[in-house]
Amino acid sequence: MSSLNKGPEKVEVALKWDPSPSGEPDNDLDIIAGTYTTDDPHGQPVHLVHFGSRSPDGTITLHRDSQTGQGFGSDEVMTLELDRMADSCARVVVGVAIQQRAGRRTFGDITGTGIRILDGYVELLRQDFSEVAGSTAATVAEFTRGAGGGWEFRPALRGSDADPETFAREMGSAVG
């Protein structure tokens, strides 16, 4: 952790998966982060960050967005700068959704899936999606702001069968 008093401050979320077999449609997984306010910590997200977007204040950034899973290392990487978030932000929920362009695909249909969350050099989470193999999306973690203003991390693997758009709107309530 970055500080014993403040908890995680700047974390990296890295997602990976193997490319589809030759002749099969590409698998496209996406990291999604939703921010929630102190007034409504389990309601609708104030900001959603995913491919093609970022948080207005620049505290959540998607650095890499793969649509195929090809390449070495992580296929998608997102940074959450919790220490820079406004005091009105009480909660950040991180999830993963599978794009369904080529028909229904679940985590069990895609090989080599995995997600890792780091706070500096400290690994907070390393998870594959085998526990939610029948799901098309999953909430993986949440960060909540404590009474002293520091952030706390909680793993929260929960599967969902919602399409990516619906999942993004509802993923914060799934952890609640």
Protein backbone atom coordinates (compact mmCIF):
# COMPACT_ATOMS: atom_id res chain seq x y z
CA MET A 1 0.00 0.00 0.00
CA SER A 2 1.15 3.53 -0.64
CA SER A 3 0.56 4.69 2.93
CA LEU A 4 -0.56 2.95 6.09
CA ASN A 5 -3.04 5.74 6.83
CA LYS A 6 -4.40 6.47 3.37
CA GLY A 7 -4.71 3.02 1.86
CA PRO A 8 -4.41 2.60 -1.89
CA GLU A 9 -3.70 5.89 -3.67
CA LYS A 10 -2.84 5.07 -7.29
CA VAL A 11 -3.73 1.62 -8.57
CA GLU A 12 -3.31 -0.15 -11.87
CA VAL A 13 -5.91 -2.60 -13.18
CA ALA A 14 -4.57 -4.97 -15.86
CA LEU A 15 -6.75 -7.37 -17.86
CA LYS A 16 -5.60 -10.17 -20.16
CA TRP A 17 -7.07 -12.90 -22.31
CA ASP A 18 -5.94 -15.16 -25.14
CA PRO A 19 -6.83 -14.38 -28.77
CA SER A 20 -9.63 -16.38 -30.38
CA PRO A 21 -8.69 -19.54 -32.25
CA SER A 22 -8.08 -19.07 -35.97
CA GLY A 23 -11.33 -18.60 -37.88
CA GLU A 24 -13.32 -17.64 -34.77
CA PRO A 25 -14.64 -14.11 -34.12
CA ASP A 26 -12.39 -11.94 -31.93
CA ASN A 27 -13.08 -11.78 -28.20
CA ASP A 28 -13.21 -8.22 -26.85
CA LEU A 29 -13.19 -7.73 -23.07
CA ASP A 30 -13.39 -4.28 -21.49
CA ILE A 31 -12.42 -2.88 -18.10
CA ILE A 32 -15.12 -0.57 -16.73
CA ALA A 33 -14.82 1.71 -13.69
CA GLY A 34 -17.77 3.51 -12.12
CA THR A 35 -17.54 6.30 -9.57
CA TYR A 36 -20.24 6.90 -6.96
CA THR A 37 -20.87 9.88 -4.68
CA THR A 38 -21.22 10.07 -0.92
CA ASP A 39 -24.89 11.03 -1.48
CA ASP A 40 -25.66 7.90 -3.53
CA PRO A 41 -22.88 5.30 -3.09
CA HIS A 42 -24.96 2.39 -4.46
CA GLY A 43 -27.08 4.20 -7.05
CA GLN A 44 -26.22 5.25 -10.57
CA PRO A 45 -22.55 5.93 -11.30
CA VAL A 46 -21.58 9.58 -11.68
CA HIS A 47 -18.88 8.67 -14.21
CA LEU A 48 -18.27 5.52 -16.22
CA VAL A 49 -14.84 4.97 -17.68
CA HIS A 50 -14.30 2.35 -20.38
CA PHE A 51 -13.04 2.19 -23.96
CA GLY A 52 -13.45 5.52 -25.69
CA SER A 53 -13.91 7.51 -22.47
CA ARG A 54 -12.13 8.79 -19.37
CA SER A 55 -13.11 10.53 -16.18
CA PRO A 56 -13.62 14.29 -16.65
CA ASP A 57 -11.08 15.09 -13.91
CA GLY A 58 -8.45 12.72 -15.36
CA THR A 59 -8.27 10.50 -12.26
CA ILE A 60 -9.27 7.34 -14.16
CA THR A 61 -7.51 6.63 -17.43
CA LEU A 62 -7.65 3.65 -19.79
CA HIS A 63 -4.15 3.35 -21.24
CA ARG A 64 -4.57 0.34 -23.45
CA ASP A 65 -7.68 -1.05 -25.15
CA SER A 66 -7.38 -4.34 -27.03
CA GLN A 67 -10.19 -5.70 -29.13
CA THR A 68 -8.56 -9.06 -29.81
CA GLY A 69 -6.39 -10.16 -26.87
CA GLN A 70 -3.34 -10.28 -29.14
CA GLY A 71 0.07 -9.24 -27.90
CA PHE A 72 2.25 -9.86 -24.88
CA GLY A 73 1.37 -9.02 -21.32
CA SER A 74 -1.79 -7.15 -20.40
CA ASP A 75 -4.35 -6.44 -23.10
CA GLU A 76 -6.06 -3.58 -21.27
CA VAL A 77 -4.65 -1.36 -18.51
CA MET A 78 -6.50 1.27 -16.45
CA THR A 79 -5.10 3.59 -13.78
CA LEU A 80 -7.20 4.84 -10.86
CA GLU A 81 -5.71 7.85 -9.07
CA LEU A 82 -7.78 7.55 -5.90
CA ASP A 83 -5.70 10.13 -4.03
CA ARG A 84 -6.70 12.81 -6.56
CA MET A 85 -10.45 12.13 -6.55
CA ALA A 86 -12.84 14.76 -5.26
CA ASP A 87 -14.05 14.38 -1.68
CA SER A 88 -17.58 13.85 -3.02
CA CYS A 89 -16.45 10.51 -4.51
CA ALA A 90 -17.10 7.77 -1.96
CA ARG A 91 -16.76 4.63 -4.04
CA VAL A 92 -15.17 3.27 -7.20
CA VAL A 93 -16.30 -0.09 -8.61
CA VAL A 94 -14.26 -1.98 -11.20
CA GLY A 95 -15.77 -4.53 -13.55
CA VAL A 96 -15.14 -6.39 -16.79
CA ALA A 97 -17.62 -6.92 -19.62
CA ILE A 98 -17.39 -9.08 -22.72
CA GLN A 99 -18.60 -7.42 -25.91
CA GLN A 100 -21.32 -9.57 -27.47
CA ARG A 101 -20.94 -8.64 -31.16
CA ALA A 102 -20.49 -12.22 -32.36
CA GLY A 103 -23.16 -13.83 -30.19
CA ARG A 104 -23.25 -14.69 -26.50
CA ARG A 105 -19.77 -15.26 -25.07
CA THR A 106 -19.01 -16.06 -21.42
CA PHE A 107 -15.77 -16.05 -19.46
CA GLY A 108 -15.77 -19.84 -19.78
CA ASP A 109 -15.68 -19.48 -23.58
CA ILE A 110 -12.49 -17.39 -23.50
CA THR A 111 -9.13 -18.87 -22.57
CA GLY A 112 -6.38 -17.24 -20.57
CA THR A 113 -8.53 -14.64 -18.81
CA GLY A 114 -7.10 -12.87 -15.81
CA ILE A 115 -7.15 -9.57 -13.95
CA ARG A 116 -4.56 -8.07 -11.64
CA ILE A 117 -4.79 -4.97 -9.46
CA LEU A 118 -1.59 -3.36 -8.18
CA ASP A 119 -0.99 -0.52 -5.73
CA GLY A 120 2.57 0.38 -6.67
CA TYR A 121 4.42 -2.92 -6.36
CA VAL A 122 1.87 -4.46 -4.00
CA GLU A 123 -0.53 -6.90 -5.63
CA LEU A 124 -4.03 -6.35 -4.26
CA LEU A 125 -5.78 -8.89 -6.49
CA ARG A 126 -4.96 -11.60 -9.02
CA GLN A 127 -7.98 -13.45 -10.31
CA ASP A 128 -9.11 -15.48 -13.26
CA PHE A 129 -12.78 -15.64 -14.06
CA SER A 130 -13.29 -19.38 -13.44
CA GLU A 131 -15.68 -18.69 -10.53
CA VAL A 132 -17.97 -16.76 -12.89
CA ALA A 133 -17.36 -18.87 -16.02
CA GLY A 134 -21.03 -18.73 -17.10
CA SER A 135 -21.21 -14.94 -16.90
CA THR A 136 -20.85 -12.31 -19.63
CA ALA A 137 -19.64 -9.62 -17.20
CA ALA A 138 -18.29 -9.41 -13.66
CA THR A 139 -17.70 -6.91 -10.90
CA VAL A 140 -14.17 -7.59 -9.64
CA ALA A 141 -13.34 -5.02 -6.95
CA GLU A 142 -14.41 -1.91 -5.13
CA PHE A 143 -12.61 0.93 -3.43
CA THR A 144 -14.44 2.84 -0.71
CA ARG A 145 -13.46 6.02 1.07
CA GLY A 146 -13.26 5.58 4.84
CA ALA A 147 -14.28 8.08 7.52
CA GLY A 148 -10.71 9.45 7.69
CA GLY A 149 -10.62 10.08 3.93
CA GLY A 150 -8.35 7.15 3.05
CA TRP A 151 -9.35 4.47 0.58
CA GLU A 152 -10.02 0.80 1.35
CA PHE A 153 -9.86 -2.05 -1.16
CA ARG A 154 -12.25 -4.99 -1.26
CA PRO A 155 -12.23 -7.85 -3.80
CA ALA A 156 -15.77 -8.42 -5.02
CA LEU A 157 -15.99 -11.03 -7.79
CA ARG A 158 -19.64 -11.28 -8.84
CA GLY A 159 -20.88 -12.49 -12.19
CA SER A 160 -23.60 -10.90 -14.30
CA ASP A 161 -25.43 -11.89 -17.47
CA ALA A 162 -26.22 -8.33 -18.51
CA ASP A 163 -25.11 -6.82 -21.79
CA PRO A 164 -22.13 -4.42 -21.38
CA GLU A 165 -24.24 -1.24 -21.33
CA THR A 166 -26.71 -2.53 -18.72
CA PHE A 167 -23.90 -4.03 -16.66
CA ALA A 168 -22.05 -0.70 -16.57
CA ARG A 169 -25.14 1.03 -15.18
CA GLU A 170 -25.85 -1.68 -12.60
CA MET A 171 -22.43 -2.99 -11.52
CA GLY A 172 -22.22 -0.80 -8.41
CA SER A 173 -25.49 -2.10 -7.00
CA ALA A 174 -24.29 -5.70 -7.45
CA VAL A 175 -21.59 -5.20 -4.82
CA GLY A 176 -23.72 -3.22 -2.37
